[in-house]
Amino acid sequence: MDYRISGIHSVPVLDFEIELASGVWIDGTASMPRPDYAYITLTDVTAGEAAVFARWLRDSFVPAPHLVWFASSLAVANGDQDPWPLPAEGRDEDIAAELRRHLASVETP
C-alpha cells in the first residue's frame, strides 16, 4: 500500500474506496496520528451515505461509551473547529438526521 502526507494534518494518510452498498462507492482518507485517535475523511458523500459509514465505524470499531466524533468541511471552512459526537445509538436514519442538524447549524456567509 502507498501512503501520502496529508496537506491538512501533516501526517501519513491512506486513501481508500469502499462499496457502501451495491453499486454505491465512497472515497475517503484515513490516518492515525496517535494510537488512540484517528482521522477519517469522506469525500463527496451525502448525509445518508456518511451515516451508513459512521454507523458501521461506530458499531464495528468504536462502540459506546467511546464515541465517534465528526465535523463537516462546511463547519471547518466557517471557523468551527469543534467536532460533534455521533449518537451512541441509533439507526442510519437517526445518524443522518444528526448530520443534517449539524449542517443546518453552520452559518453560511
Protein backbone atom coordinates (compact mmCIF):
# COMPACT_ATOMS: atom_id res chain seq x y z
CA MET A 1 0.00 0.00 0.00
CA ASP A 2 1.08 3.52 -0.65
CA TYR A 3 0.53 6.45 1.60
CA ARG A 4 1.00 10.19 1.31
CA ILE A 5 1.37 13.08 3.72
CA SER A 6 -1.86 14.96 4.42
CA GLY A 7 -1.83 18.62 3.48
CA ILE A 8 -4.33 19.26 6.29
CA HIS A 9 -2.93 17.35 9.25
CA SER A 10 0.71 16.80 8.08
CA VAL A 11 0.55 13.08 8.95
CA PRO A 12 0.75 9.96 6.76
CA VAL A 13 -2.65 9.08 5.28
CA LEU A 14 -4.09 6.17 3.33
CA ASP A 15 -6.64 6.83 0.59
CA PHE A 16 -9.44 4.27 0.30
CA GLU A 17 -12.51 3.44 -1.74
CA ILE A 18 -15.21 1.13 -0.39
CA GLU A 19 -18.52 -0.15 -1.63
CA LEU A 20 -21.09 1.17 0.83
CA ALA A 21 -23.98 -0.67 -0.79
CA SER A 22 -24.44 -2.48 -4.06
CA GLY A 23 -23.14 -0.05 -6.68
CA VAL A 24 -22.60 2.78 -4.14
CA TRP A 25 -18.90 3.60 -3.72
CA ILE A 26 -17.39 6.22 -1.46
CA ASP A 27 -13.87 7.63 -1.28
CA GLY A 28 -12.02 8.64 1.82
CA THR A 29 -8.75 9.15 3.60
CA ALA A 30 -7.66 7.64 6.91
CA SER A 31 -4.81 8.48 9.25
CA MET A 32 -3.92 7.61 12.81
CA PRO A 33 -1.68 10.30 14.28
CA ARG A 34 -1.87 8.75 17.78
CA PRO A 35 -2.63 5.20 18.96
CA ASP A 36 -5.96 6.34 20.42
CA TYR A 37 -7.06 8.80 17.73
CA ALA A 38 -7.75 8.66 14.00
CA TYR A 39 -8.95 10.99 11.28
CA ILE A 40 -11.26 9.58 8.63
CA THR A 41 -12.37 11.94 5.91
CA LEU A 42 -15.11 11.02 3.44
CA THR A 43 -15.20 12.82 0.12
CA ASP A 44 -18.35 13.98 -1.69
CA VAL A 45 -20.91 12.00 0.29
CA THR A 46 -24.48 12.71 1.24
CA ALA A 47 -25.59 12.77 4.88
CA GLY A 48 -27.25 9.40 4.26
CA GLU A 49 -24.07 7.86 2.86
CA ALA A 50 -21.96 9.32 5.66
CA ALA A 51 -24.45 7.96 8.21
CA VAL A 52 -24.12 4.39 6.90
CA PHE A 53 -20.33 4.60 7.11
CA ALA A 54 -20.41 6.26 10.55
CA ARG A 55 -22.79 3.65 11.98
CA TRP A 56 -20.57 0.85 10.67
CA LEU A 57 -17.50 2.53 12.16
CA ARG A 58 -19.25 3.12 15.48
CA ASP A 59 -20.74 -0.36 15.77
CA SER A 60 -17.70 -2.26 14.46
CA PHE A 61 -14.72 -0.40 15.84
CA VAL A 62 -15.67 2.33 18.34
CA PRO A 63 -18.64 1.05 20.35
CA ALA A 64 -20.14 3.09 23.20
CA PRO A 65 -19.10 4.52 25.57
CA HIS A 66 -16.28 5.59 23.23
CA LEU A 67 -17.69 7.93 20.65
CA VAL A 68 -17.06 8.72 17.04
CA TRP A 69 -16.85 12.49 16.55
CA PHE A 70 -17.48 14.28 13.27
CA ALA A 71 -17.09 17.63 11.60
CA SER A 72 -18.13 18.89 8.19
CA SER A 73 -15.93 20.73 5.76
CA LEU A 74 -18.58 23.49 5.76
CA ALA A 75 -18.20 23.97 9.53
CA VAL A 76 -14.40 23.91 9.37
CA ALA A 77 -14.40 26.37 6.46
CA ASN A 78 -16.52 28.71 8.62
CA GLY A 79 -14.06 28.51 11.51
CA ASP A 80 -15.86 25.91 13.64
CA GLN A 81 -13.12 23.50 14.76
CA ASP A 82 -15.22 21.71 17.40
CA PRO A 83 -16.34 18.21 16.37
CA TRP A 84 -19.80 16.87 17.23
CA PRO A 85 -20.36 13.47 18.84
CA LEU A 86 -22.06 10.84 16.77
CA PRO A 87 -25.09 9.43 18.61
CA ALA A 88 -24.01 6.44 20.71
CA GLU A 89 -27.05 4.51 19.49
CA GLY A 90 -29.45 4.66 16.60
CA ARG A 91 -30.04 3.64 13.05
CA ASP A 92 -28.66 5.14 9.85
CA GLU A 93 -31.68 7.47 9.64
CA ASP A 94 -31.06 8.79 13.17
CA ILE A 95 -27.41 9.47 12.39
CA ALA A 96 -28.26 11.12 9.07
CA ALA A 97 -30.71 13.39 10.92
CA GLU A 98 -27.94 14.42 13.34
CA LEU A 99 -25.56 15.09 10.45
CA ARG A 100 -28.21 17.26 8.79
CA ARG A 101 -28.84 19.08 12.09
CA HIS A 102 -25.10 19.80 12.28
CA LEU A 103 -25.07 21.16 8.72
CA ALA A 104 -28.13 23.31 9.40
CA SER A 105 -26.41 24.83 12.43
CA VAL A 106 -23.46 26.04 10.39
CA GLU A 107 -23.83 29.64 9.36
CA THR A 108 -23.07 30.24 5.73
CA PRO A 109 -21.51 33.54 4.66
